[in-house]
Amino acid sequence: MQFIDQAEIQVQAGNGGDGIVAFRREKYVPAGGPAGGNGGRGGDVVLKAVENLQTLLDFQYARIFKADDGKRGGPKNCTGASGRDLIVEVPCGTMIYDAETDELLGDLTQPEQVFTVVHGGKGGLGNAAFLSNSNRAPERALPGLPGEVRMLRLELKLLAEVGIIGLPNAGKSTLISSLSAARPKIADYPFTTLIPNLGVVRKPTGDGTVFADIPGLIEGAHMGIGLGHDFLRHVERTRLLLHLVDVTSNDPLADYRTIQTELEAYGRGLSDRPQILVLNKIDVVEQDSELIEALAQELREASQRPVFKISAVTRLGLEELMRYLWQQLDELERSPEESIIPS
């Protein structure tokens, strides 16, 4: 399945039905008077967040969405039927923008949350509505009003408690596959992962927590270099960042600083998000424990954070890391004002 996180669509509400000119025609009722009914209201277009969608792929093929028009009024003062609303399902985490003004209209973050993007037109009045003392037989009716039409830009930001970040080939995909049932593509070359991967990791309590493997961060990502600019937006929704540094890199400390620089340059509070710093792939150099500890000490001094040493492949150190991670998430839940999840 392709991962598509932006789409542009046109939404059209239904037009109101026309009112009609009609008169009451019954035996023994002379001059029965006007009896033309009003037209029905046009349908609205409503976006609804659902849990079973993870991408905006469907909107690459269907770009125009139109609700039903209202029906014409009928004789005997019968109002026309209203047009049915059109409900369009989108993934949780979808932000809705007006494509012309760039105004944020809505942000659907909860399952079953709905937002009406365009409203249907009102039905026209039938001639019965124009009856007056001075006009006992009006022959006038109004057409229905047109429904609203709007161009929308949809932008998906994945909803995940924990975002796994790091330079390409730091072992992010391996880690998420070790912790969850997710099976991303894994290989020994950079940019193996071209789309964010989601995995559900079970807490000791049995509750599921969503982890997101955010790919493509490199130097200059905030300016559109590489893939990082396309996916930095997904980090905005996370409560906690798991920052992986490859212990086999030529300069792990420089790698750490590169990612920190990109988070700061992107803005939106990403550099202030709580982070857990992890040295990965220690199984490759486990014979040189002095090297591992020296790198860990350098990172501790640079980040002022604890540093965990793990091997995502052999699961060495994962138990201690996850114990600390669950503790941090619990503290964030108890202090929601410190947990920033911007829209």
Foldseek 3Di string as FASTA:
>chain_A
DDAAFKAKAKEFWAWWAWWAWDADDDPPCPLRFTFIAWWAWTAFEKEFAAAVDDHPVVCVPHRYHYWHYTHYTDGRHRYTHYTHHHYHYDHAQKWKAQPVPRHTDDGRHDHGDMDTDWTTWHTKGYCVVVDDPVPRHDRDIGGTGTIDMTMMMIGGADAFQEEEDFFFQLCLQLQLVLQFVDHQDDDNDGPSDQDKDWGWGADPVRDTGIYIYFHFDDQPVLVPPTRNVVGVSNLLQYQEYEYGFELPDPDSVVRVVRVLVSLVVNDPCSNVRHYAAEHEDCVVVVVPVVSVVVVQVVCCVVPVHHYFYAYSNVRRRVVVVVVVVVVVSVVCVVVVVSRRRDD
